Amino acid sequence: YLEDFLAELESIPALASSGLNLGKVPYQLRGSWDIAK
């Protein structure tokens, strides 16, 4: 995901702001395991 974020920093400045919480470890970000098929 970080690669996608870095690729869009210029077109979406909000992704490069100090207001974006990327967490320090995975469990600090909301998310869930999903089945994909």
PDB file of all heavy atoms in Angstrom:
ATOM      1  N   TYR A   1       0.826  -1.209   0.000  1.00  0.00           N
ATOM      2  CA  TYR A   1       0.000   0.000   0.000  1.00  0.00           C
ATOM      3  C   TYR A   1       0.861   1.260   0.000  1.00  0.00           C
ATOM      4  O   TYR A   1       0.510   2.270  -0.612  1.00  0.00           O
ATOM      5  CB  TYR A   1      -0.920   0.020   1.216  1.00  0.00           C
ATOM      6  CG  TYR A   1      -2.093  -0.916   1.110  1.00  0.00           C
ATOM      7  CD1 TYR A   1      -2.474  -1.690   2.196  1.00  0.00           C
ATOM      8  CD2 TYR A   1      -2.823  -1.040  -0.072  1.00  0.00           C
ATOM      9  CE1 TYR A   1      -3.555  -2.561   2.111  1.00  0.00           C
ATOM     10  CE2 TYR A   1      -3.894  -1.904  -0.164  1.00  0.00           C
ATOM     11  CZ  TYR A   1      -4.262  -2.661   0.928  1.00  0.00           C
ATOM     12  OH  TYR A   1      -5.325  -3.521   0.841  1.00  0.00           O
ATOM     13  N   LEU A   2       1.993   1.180   0.706  1.00  0.00           N
ATOM     14  CA  LEU A   2       2.873   2.342   0.796  1.00  0.00           C
ATOM     15  C   LEU A   2       3.360   2.761  -0.585  1.00  0.00           C
ATOM     16  O   LEU A   2       3.483   3.956  -0.879  1.00  0.00           O
ATOM     17  CB  LEU A   2       4.061   2.016   1.704  1.00  0.00           C
ATOM     18  CG  LEU A   2       4.914   3.188   2.181  1.00  0.00           C
ATOM     19  CD1 LEU A   2       4.059   4.213   2.895  1.00  0.00           C
ATOM     20  CD2 LEU A   2       6.025   2.700   3.101  1.00  0.00           C
ATOM     21  N   GLU A   3       3.607   1.796  -1.457  1.00  0.00           N
ATOM     22  CA  GLU A   3       4.026   2.124  -2.821  1.00  0.00           C
ATOM     23  C   GLU A   3       2.943   2.893  -3.561  1.00  0.00           C
ATOM     24  O   GLU A   3       3.236   3.844  -4.297  1.00  0.00           O
ATOM     25  CB  GLU A   3       4.371   0.832  -3.566  1.00  0.00           C
ATOM     26  CG  GLU A   3       5.609   0.122  -3.023  1.00  0.00           C
ATOM     27  CD  GLU A   3       5.840  -1.210  -3.705  1.00  0.00           C
ATOM     28  OE1 GLU A   3       5.020  -1.581  -4.580  1.00  0.00           O
ATOM     29  OE2 GLU A   3       6.837  -1.884  -3.381  1.00  0.00           O
ATOM     30  N   ASP A   4       1.670   2.506  -3.362  1.00  0.00           N
ATOM     31  CA  ASP A   4       0.569   3.230  -3.998  1.00  0.00           C
ATOM     32  C   ASP A   4       0.466   4.649  -3.452  1.00  0.00           C
ATOM     33  O   ASP A   4       0.200   5.598  -4.198  1.00  0.00           O
ATOM     34  CB  ASP A   4      -0.757   2.496  -3.773  1.00  0.00           C
ATOM     35  CG  ASP A   4      -0.835   1.195  -4.556  1.00  0.00           C
ATOM     36  OD1 ASP A   4      -0.125   1.083  -5.572  1.00  0.00           O
ATOM     37  OD2 ASP A   4      -1.600   0.304  -4.157  1.00  0.00           O
ATOM     38  N   PHE A   5       0.669   4.805  -2.141  1.00  0.00           N
ATOM     39  CA  PHE A   5       0.601   6.129  -1.527  1.00  0.00           C
ATOM     40  C   PHE A   5       1.688   7.039  -2.098  1.00  0.00           C
ATOM     41  O   PHE A   5       1.429   8.187  -2.460  1.00  0.00           O
ATOM     42  CB  PHE A   5       0.762   6.017  -0.007  1.00  0.00           C
ATOM     43  CG  PHE A   5      -0.525   5.736   0.717  1.00  0.00           C
ATOM     44  CD1 PHE A   5      -1.231   4.570   0.491  1.00  0.00           C
ATOM     45  CD2 PHE A   5      -1.032   6.636   1.628  1.00  0.00           C
ATOM     46  CE1 PHE A   5      -2.409   4.296   1.153  1.00  0.00           C
ATOM     47  CE2 PHE A   5      -2.218   6.383   2.302  1.00  0.00           C
ATOM     48  CZ  PHE A   5      -2.913   5.212   2.073  1.00  0.00           C
ATOM     49  N   LEU A   6       2.909   6.525  -2.183  1.00  0.00           N
ATOM     50  CA  LEU A   6       4.034   7.335  -2.666  1.00  0.00           C
ATOM     51  C   LEU A   6       3.828   7.753  -4.119  1.00  0.00           C
ATOM     52  O   LEU A   6       4.219   8.853  -4.521  1.00  0.00           O
ATOM     53  CB  LEU A   6       5.344   6.556  -2.519  1.00  0.00           C
ATOM     54  CG  LEU A   6       5.811   6.306  -1.082  1.00  0.00           C
ATOM     55  CD1 LEU A   6       7.036   5.406  -1.066  1.00  0.00           C
ATOM     56  CD2 LEU A   6       6.110   7.622  -0.382  1.00  0.00           C
ATOM     57  N   ALA A   7       3.191   6.896  -4.908  1.00  0.00           N
ATOM     58  CA  ALA A   7       2.973   7.209  -6.329  1.00  0.00           C
ATOM     59  C   ALA A   7       1.952   8.323  -6.527  1.00  0.00           C
ATOM     60  O   ALA A   7       1.921   8.944  -7.595  1.00  0.00           O
ATOM     61  CB  ALA A   7       2.517   5.949  -7.074  1.00  0.00           C
ATOM     62  N   GLU A   8       1.129   8.597  -5.506  1.00  0.00           N
ATOM     63  CA  GLU A   8       0.062   9.589  -5.662  1.00  0.00           C
ATOM     64  C   GLU A   8       0.263  10.826  -4.792  1.00  0.00           C
ATOM     65  O   GLU A   8      -0.664  11.617  -4.622  1.00  0.00           O
ATOM     66  CB  GLU A   8      -1.297   8.950  -5.332  1.00  0.00           C
ATOM     67  CG  GLU A   8      -1.691   7.813  -6.240  1.00  0.00           C
ATOM     68  CD  GLU A   8      -1.857   8.252  -7.690  1.00  0.00           C
ATOM     69  OE1 GLU A   8      -2.099   9.463  -7.920  1.00  0.00           O
ATOM     70  OE2 GLU A   8      -1.728   7.394  -8.583  1.00  0.00           O
ATOM     71  N   LEU A   9       1.458  11.017  -4.247  1.00  0.00           N
ATOM     72  CA  LEU A   9       1.691  12.162  -3.360  1.00  0.00           C
ATOM     73  C   LEU A   9       1.468  13.487  -4.079  1.00  0.00           C
ATOM     74  O   LEU A   9       0.987  14.456  -3.488  1.00  0.00           O
ATOM     75  CB  LEU A   9       3.110  12.109  -2.795  1.00  0.00           C
ATOM     76  CG  LEU A   9       3.410  10.995  -1.786  1.00  0.00           C
ATOM     77  CD1 LEU A   9       4.825  11.132  -1.256  1.00  0.00           C
ATOM     78  CD2 LEU A   9       2.411  11.013  -0.638  1.00  0.00           C
ATOM     79  N   GLU A  10       1.827  13.568  -5.350  1.00  0.00           N
ATOM     80  CA  GLU A  10       1.710  14.825  -6.073  1.00  0.00           C
ATOM     81  C   GLU A  10       0.257  15.135  -6.427  1.00  0.00           C
ATOM     82  O   GLU A  10      -0.188  16.279  -6.307  1.00  0.00           O
ATOM     83  CB  GLU A  10       2.554  14.786  -7.347  1.00  0.00           C
ATOM     84  CG  GLU A  10       2.562  16.107  -8.096  1.00  0.00           C
ATOM     85  CD  GLU A  10       3.514  16.090  -9.277  1.00  0.00           C
ATOM     86  OE1 GLU A  10       4.312  15.135  -9.383  1.00  0.00           O
ATOM     87  OE2 GLU A  10       3.466  17.033 -10.081  1.00  0.00           O
ATOM     88  N   SER A  11      -0.493  14.125  -6.851  1.00  0.00           N
ATOM     89  CA  SER A  11      -1.873  14.368  -7.266  1.00  0.00           C
ATOM     90  C   SER A  11      -2.837  14.431  -6.079  1.00  0.00           C
ATOM     91  O   SER A  11      -3.910  15.011  -6.171  1.00  0.00           O
ATOM     92  CB  SER A  11      -2.331  13.284  -8.245  1.00  0.00           C
ATOM     93  OG  SER A  11      -2.291  12.003  -7.647  1.00  0.00           O
ATOM     94  N   ILE A  12      -2.454  13.804  -4.933  1.00  0.00           N
ATOM     95  CA  ILE A  12      -3.304  13.835  -3.735  1.00  0.00           C
ATOM     96  C   ILE A  12      -2.443  14.314  -2.570  1.00  0.00           C
ATOM     97  O   ILE A  12      -1.905  13.508  -1.792  1.00  0.00           O
ATOM     98  CB  ILE A  12      -3.902  12.447  -3.425  1.00  0.00           C
ATOM     99  CG1 ILE A  12      -4.550  11.844  -4.672  1.00  0.00           C
ATOM    100  CG2 ILE A  12      -4.941  12.553  -2.301  1.00  0.00           C
ATOM    101  CD1 ILE A  12      -5.158  10.469  -4.444  1.00  0.00           C
ATOM    102  N   PRO A  13      -2.292  15.636  -2.410  1.00  0.00           N
ATOM    103  CA  PRO A  13      -1.399  16.171  -1.367  1.00  0.00           C
ATOM    104  C   PRO A  13      -1.759  15.720   0.046  1.00  0.00           C
ATOM    105  O   PRO A  13      -0.896  15.695   0.914  1.00  0.00           O
ATOM    106  CB  PRO A  13      -1.572  17.686  -1.516  1.00  0.00           C
ATOM    107  CG  PRO A  13      -2.033  17.887  -2.927  1.00  0.00           C
ATOM    108  CD  PRO A  13      -2.877  16.689  -3.251  1.00  0.00           C
ATOM    109  N   ALA A  14      -3.010  15.357   0.283  1.00  0.00           N
ATOM    110  CA  ALA A  14      -3.407  14.934   1.629  1.00  0.00           C
ATOM    111  C   ALA A  14      -2.621  13.710   2.082  1.00  0.00           C
ATOM    112  O   ALA A  14      -2.410  13.504   3.283  1.00  0.00           O
ATOM    113  CB  ALA A  14      -4.909  14.630   1.658  1.00  0.00           C
ATOM    114  N   LEU A  15      -2.165  12.884   1.124  1.00  0.00           N
ATOM    115  CA  LEU A  15      -1.412  11.682   1.480  1.00  0.00           C
ATOM    116  C   LEU A  15      -0.012  12.018   1.980  1.00  0.00           C
ATOM    117  O   LEU A  15       0.665  11.163   2.537  1.00  0.00           O
ATOM    118  CB  LEU A  15      -1.322  10.741   0.271  1.00  0.00           C
ATOM    119  CG  LEU A  15      -2.645  10.205  -0.280  1.00  0.00           C
ATOM    120  CD1 LEU A  15      -2.391   9.287  -1.465  1.00  0.00           C
ATOM    121  CD2 LEU A  15      -3.427   9.476   0.801  1.00  0.00           C
ATOM    122  N   ALA A  16       0.424  13.251   1.753  1.00  0.00           N
ATOM    123  CA  ALA A  16       1.761  13.661   2.187  1.00  0.00           C
ATOM    124  C   ALA A  16       1.695  14.595   3.391  1.00  0.00           C
ATOM    125  O   ALA A  16       2.699  15.197   3.759  1.00  0.00           O
ATOM    126  CB  ALA A  16       2.493  14.353   1.039  1.00  0.00           C
ATOM    127  N   SER A  17       0.525  14.715   3.996  1.00  0.00           N
ATOM    128  CA  SER A  17       0.370  15.667   5.095  1.00  0.00           C
ATOM    129  C   SER A  17       0.676  15.022   6.437  1.00  0.00           C
ATOM    130  O   SER A  17       0.695  13.804   6.581  1.00  0.00           O
ATOM    131  CB  SER A  17      -1.063  16.208   5.111  1.00  0.00           C
ATOM    132  OG  SER A  17      -1.953  15.220   5.595  1.00  0.00           O
ATOM    133  N   SER A  18       0.895  15.884   7.438  1.00  0.00           N
ATOM    134  CA  SER A  18       1.150  15.399   8.795  1.00  0.00           C
ATOM    135  C   SER A  18      -0.124  14.877   9.441  1.00  0.00           C
ATOM    136  O   SER A  18      -0.068  14.262  10.506  1.00  0.00           O
ATOM    137  CB  SER A  18       1.733  16.532   9.649  1.00  0.00           C
ATOM    138  OG  SER A  18       0.830  17.633   9.698  1.00  0.00           O
ATOM    139  N   GLY A  19      -1.267  15.106   8.814  1.00  0.00           N
ATOM    140  CA  GLY A  19      -2.533  14.637   9.371  1.00  0.00           C
ATOM    141  C   GLY A  19      -2.848  13.201   9.044  1.00  0.00           C
ATOM    142  O   GLY A  19      -3.851  12.652   9.519  1.00  0.00           O
ATOM    143  N   LEU A  20      -2.005  12.551   8.244  1.00  0.00           N
ATOM    144  CA  LEU A  20      -2.250  11.161   7.855  1.00  0.00           C
ATOM    145  C   LEU A  20      -1.568  10.223   8.845  1.00  0.00           C
ATOM    146  O   LEU A  20      -0.348  10.244   8.996  1.00  0.00           O
ATOM    147  CB  LEU A  20      -1.735  10.905   6.437  1.00  0.00           C
ATOM    148  CG  LEU A  20      -2.006   9.505   5.879  1.00  0.00           C
ATOM    149  CD1 LEU A  20      -3.503   9.280   5.705  1.00  0.00           C
ATOM    150  CD2 LEU A  20      -1.290   9.309   4.545  1.00  0.00           C
ATOM    151  N   ASN A  21      -2.353   9.392   9.506  1.00  0.00           N
ATOM    152  CA  ASN A  21      -1.824   8.453  10.494  1.00  0.00           C
ATOM    153  C   ASN A  21      -1.517   7.118   9.824  1.00  0.00           C
ATOM    154  O   ASN A  21      -2.426   6.388   9.449  1.00  0.00           O
ATOM    155  CB  ASN A  21      -2.840   8.254  11.625  1.00  0.00           C
ATOM    156  CG  ASN A  21      -2.355   7.251  12.658  1.00  0.00           C
ATOM    157  OD1 ASN A  21      -1.173   6.920  12.719  1.00  0.00           O
ATOM    158  ND2 ASN A  21      -3.274   6.761  13.471  1.00  0.00           N
ATOM    159  N   LEU A  22      -0.239   6.806   9.684  1.00  0.00           N
ATOM    160  CA  LEU A  22       0.193   5.540   9.087  1.00  0.00           C
ATOM    161  C   LEU A  22       0.562   4.513  10.157  1.00  0.00           C
ATOM    162  O   LEU A  22       0.896   3.379   9.823  1.00  0.00           O
ATOM    163  CB  LEU A  22       1.398   5.767   8.160  1.00  0.00           C
ATOM    164  CG  LEU A  22       1.145   6.654   6.939  1.00  0.00           C
ATOM    165  CD1 LEU A  22       2.430   6.826   6.150  1.00  0.00           C
ATOM    166  CD2 LEU A  22       0.062   6.066   6.063  1.00  0.00           C
ATOM    167  N   GLY A  23       0.484   4.888  11.428  1.00  0.00           N
ATOM    168  CA  GLY A  23       0.803   3.967  12.503  1.00  0.00           C
ATOM    169  C   GLY A  23       2.291   3.627  12.536  1.00  0.00           C
ATOM    170  O   GLY A  23       3.034   3.896  11.600  1.00  0.00           O
ATOM    171  N   LYS A  24       2.707   3.021  13.637  1.00  0.00           N
ATOM    172  CA  LYS A  24       4.088   2.545  13.758  1.00  0.00           C
ATOM    173  C   LYS A  24       4.185   1.044  13.562  1.00  0.00           C
ATOM    174  O   LYS A  24       5.222   0.527  13.170  1.00  0.00           O
ATOM    175  CB  LYS A  24       4.656   2.932  15.131  1.00  0.00           C
ATOM    176  CG  LYS A  24       4.804   4.438  15.332  1.00  0.00           C
ATOM    177  CD  LYS A  24       5.409   4.750  16.686  1.00  0.00           C
ATOM    178  CE  LYS A  24       5.573   6.256  16.875  1.00  0.00           C
ATOM    179  NZ  LYS A  24       6.159   6.589  18.209  1.00  0.00           N
ATOM    180  N   VAL A  25       3.082   0.354  13.849  1.00  0.00           N
ATOM    181  CA  VAL A  25       3.004  -1.092  13.645  1.00  0.00           C
ATOM    182  C   VAL A  25       1.649  -1.395  13.004  1.00  0.00           C
ATOM    183  O   VAL A  25       0.717  -0.598  13.090  1.00  0.00           O
ATOM    184  CB  VAL A  25       3.157  -1.852  14.982  1.00  0.00           C
ATOM    185  CG1 VAL A  25       4.566  -1.740  15.511  1.00  0.00           C
ATOM    186  CG2 VAL A  25       2.172  -1.334  16.010  1.00  0.00           C
ATOM    187  N   PRO A  26       1.507  -2.549  12.325  1.00  0.00           N
ATOM    188  CA  PRO A  26       0.278  -2.849  11.591  1.00  0.00           C
ATOM    189  C   PRO A  26      -0.993  -2.759  12.418  1.00  0.00           C
ATOM    190  O   PRO A  26      -2.022  -2.274  11.928  1.00  0.00           O
ATOM    191  CB  PRO A  26       0.511  -4.277  11.081  1.00  0.00           C
ATOM    192  CG  PRO A  26       1.990  -4.389  10.927  1.00  0.00           C
ATOM    193  CD  PRO A  26       2.535  -3.589  12.066  1.00  0.00           C
ATOM    194  N   TYR A  27      -0.955  -3.198  13.690  1.00  0.00           N
ATOM    195  CA  TYR A  27      -2.199  -3.251  14.446  1.00  0.00           C
ATOM    196  C   TYR A  27      -2.706  -1.860  14.856  1.00  0.00           C
ATOM    197  O   TYR A  27      -3.797  -1.731  15.405  1.00  0.00           O
ATOM    198  CB  TYR A  27      -2.063  -4.148  15.677  1.00  0.00           C
ATOM    199  CG  TYR A  27      -1.073  -3.695  16.721  1.00  0.00           C
ATOM    200  CD1 TYR A  27      -1.378  -2.673  17.616  1.00  0.00           C
ATOM    201  CD2 TYR A  27       0.165  -4.315  16.838  1.00  0.00           C
ATOM    202  CE1 TYR A  27      -0.477  -2.263  18.574  1.00  0.00           C
ATOM    203  CE2 TYR A  27       1.071  -3.919  17.801  1.00  0.00           C
ATOM    204  CZ  TYR A  27       0.749  -2.892  18.668  1.00  0.00           C
ATOM    205  OH  TYR A  27       1.651  -2.494  19.616  1.00  0.00           O
ATOM    206  N   GLN A  28      -1.913  -0.812  14.607  1.00  0.00           N
ATOM    207  CA  GLN A  28      -2.371   0.536  14.926  1.00  0.00           C
ATOM    208  C   GLN A  28      -3.268   1.111  13.831  1.00  0.00           C
ATOM    209  O   GLN A  28      -3.821   2.197  13.990  1.00  0.00           O
ATOM    210  CB  GLN A  28      -1.169   1.459  15.150  1.00  0.00           C
ATOM    211  CG  GLN A  28      -0.418   1.180  16.450  1.00  0.00           C
ATOM    212  CD  GLN A  28       0.728   2.144  16.674  1.00  0.00           C
ATOM    213  OE1 GLN A  28       1.222   2.768  15.742  1.00  0.00           O
ATOM    214  NE2 GLN A  28       1.155   2.271  17.923  1.00  0.00           N
ATOM    215  N   LEU A  29      -3.406   0.403  12.732  1.00  0.00           N
ATOM    216  CA  LEU A  29      -4.267   0.847  11.644  1.00  0.00           C
ATOM    217  C   LEU A  29      -5.491  -0.044  11.583  1.00  0.00           C
ATOM    218  O   LEU A  29      -5.424  -1.248  11.801  1.00  0.00           O
ATOM    219  CB  LEU A  29      -3.534   0.793  10.298  1.00  0.00           C
ATOM    220  CG  LEU A  29      -2.311   1.711  10.155  1.00  0.00           C
ATOM    221  CD1 LEU A  29      -1.667   1.510   8.793  1.00  0.00           C
ATOM    222  CD2 LEU A  29      -2.699   3.163  10.340  1.00  0.00           C
ATOM    223  N   ARG A  30      -6.625   0.586  11.260  1.00  0.00           N
ATOM    224  CA  ARG A  30      -7.838  -0.204  11.080  1.00  0.00           C
ATOM    225  C   ARG A  30      -7.646  -1.152   9.904  1.00  0.00           C
ATOM    226  O   ARG A  30      -6.978  -0.835   8.927  1.00  0.00           O
ATOM    227  CB  ARG A  30      -9.035   0.710  10.795  1.00  0.00           C
ATOM    228  CG  ARG A  30      -9.497   1.518  11.994  1.00  0.00           C
ATOM    229  CD  ARG A  30     -10.585   2.479  11.593  1.00  0.00           C
ATOM    230  NE  ARG A  30     -11.724   1.802  11.008  1.00  0.00           N
ATOM    231  CZ  ARG A  30     -12.781   1.378  11.693  1.00  0.00           C
ATOM    232  NH1 ARG A  30     -12.832   1.569  12.991  1.00  0.00           N
ATOM    233  NH2 ARG A  30     -13.780   0.774  11.098  1.00  0.00           N
ATOM    234  N   GLY A  31      -8.257  -2.328   9.974  1.00  0.00           N
ATOM    235  CA  GLY A  31      -8.153  -3.282   8.879  1.00  0.00           C
ATOM    236  C   GLY A  31      -8.738  -4.613   9.278  1.00  0.00           C
ATOM    237  O   GLY A  31      -9.114  -4.836  10.424  1.00  0.00           O
ATOM    238  N   SER A  32      -8.820  -5.499   8.321  1.00  0.00           N
ATOM    239  CA  SER A  32      -9.384  -6.823   8.605  1.00  0.00           C
ATOM    240  C   SER A  32      -8.898  -7.814   7.568  1.00  0.00           C
ATOM    241  O   SER A  32      -8.507  -7.454   6.465  1.00  0.00           O
ATOM    242  CB  SER A  32     -10.915  -6.760   8.585  1.00  0.00           C
ATOM    243  OG  SER A  32     -11.374  -6.365   7.304  1.00  0.00           O
ATOM    244  N   TRP A  33      -8.924  -9.085   7.960  1.00  0.00           N
ATOM    245  CA  TRP A  33      -8.600 -10.145   7.012  1.00  0.00           C
ATOM    246  C   TRP A  33      -9.842 -10.457   6.193  1.00  0.00           C
ATOM    247  O   TRP A  33     -10.928 -10.628   6.726  1.00  0.00           O
ATOM    248  CB  TRP A  33      -8.161 -11.408   7.760  1.00  0.00           C
ATOM    249  CG  TRP A  33      -6.804 -11.277   8.357  1.00  0.00           C
ATOM    250  CD1 TRP A  33      -6.502 -10.991   9.649  1.00  0.00           C
ATOM    251  CD2 TRP A  33      -5.556 -11.418   7.687  1.00  0.00           C
ATOM    252  NE1 TRP A  33      -5.145 -10.943   9.829  1.00  0.00           N
ATOM    253  CE2 TRP A  33      -4.545 -11.201   8.638  1.00  0.00           C
ATOM    254  CE3 TRP A  33      -5.195 -11.690   6.367  1.00  0.00           C
ATOM    255  CZ2 TRP A  33      -3.192 -11.258   8.310  1.00  0.00           C
ATOM    256  CZ3 TRP A  33      -3.849 -11.746   6.057  1.00  0.00           C
ATOM    257  CH2 TRP A  33      -2.860 -11.536   7.012  1.00  0.00           C
ATOM    258  N   ASP A  34      -9.693 -10.510   4.894  1.00  0.00           N
ATOM    259  CA  ASP A  34     -10.820 -10.760   4.008  1.00  0.00           C
ATOM    260  C   ASP A  34     -10.497 -11.915   3.078  1.00  0.00           C
ATOM    261  O   ASP A  34      -9.359 -12.053   2.615  1.00  0.00           O
ATOM    262  CB  ASP A  34     -11.150  -9.533   3.151  1.00  0.00           C
ATOM    263  CG  ASP A  34     -11.487  -8.321   3.984  1.00  0.00           C
ATOM    264  OD1 ASP A  34     -12.283  -8.483   4.920  1.00  0.00           O
ATOM    265  OD2 ASP A  34     -10.964  -7.230   3.706  1.00  0.00           O
ATOM    266  N   ILE A  35     -11.493 -12.724   2.797  1.00  0.00           N
ATOM    267  CA  ILE A  35     -11.320 -13.784   1.815  1.00  0.00           C
ATOM    268  C   ILE A  35     -11.377 -13.169   0.416  1.00  0.00           C
ATOM    269  O   ILE A  35     -12.206 -12.336   0.130  1.00  0.00           O
ATOM    270  CB  ILE A  35     -12.438 -14.836   1.948  1.00  0.00           C
ATOM    271  CG1 ILE A  35     -12.411 -15.422   3.366  1.00  0.00           C
ATOM    272  CG2 ILE A  35     -12.272 -15.941   0.927  1.00  0.00           C
ATOM    273  CD1 ILE A  35     -11.110 -16.083   3.728  1.00  0.00           C
ATOM    274  N   ALA A  36     -10.480 -13.582  -0.453  1.00  0.00           N
ATOM    275  CA  ALA A  36     -10.468 -13.053  -1.811  1.00  0.00           C
ATOM    276  C   ALA A  36     -10.412 -14.213  -2.797  1.00  0.00           C
ATOM    277  O   ALA A  36      -9.442 -14.946  -2.853  1.00  0.00           O
ATOM    278  CB  ALA A  36      -9.264 -12.131  -2.016  1.00  0.00           C
ATOM    279  N   LYS A  37     -11.464 -14.379  -3.544  1.00  0.00           N
ATOM    280  CA  LYS A  37     -11.539 -15.474  -4.503  1.00  0.00           C
ATOM    281  C   LYS A  37     -12.551 -15.100  -5.570  1.00  0.00           C
ATOM    282  O   LYS A  37     -13.481 -14.344  -5.331  1.00  0.00           O
ATOM    283  CB  LYS A  37     -11.940 -16.793  -3.810  1.00  0.00           C
ATOM    284  CG  LYS A  37     -11.752 -18.042  -4.686  1.00  0.00           C
ATOM    285  CD  LYS A  37     -12.005 -19.283  -3.858  1.00  0.00           C
ATOM    286  CE  LYS A  37     -11.973 -20.532  -4.727  1.00  0.00           C
ATOM    287  NZ  LYS A  37     -10.665 -20.755  -5.332  1.00  0.00           N
TER     288      LYS A  37
END
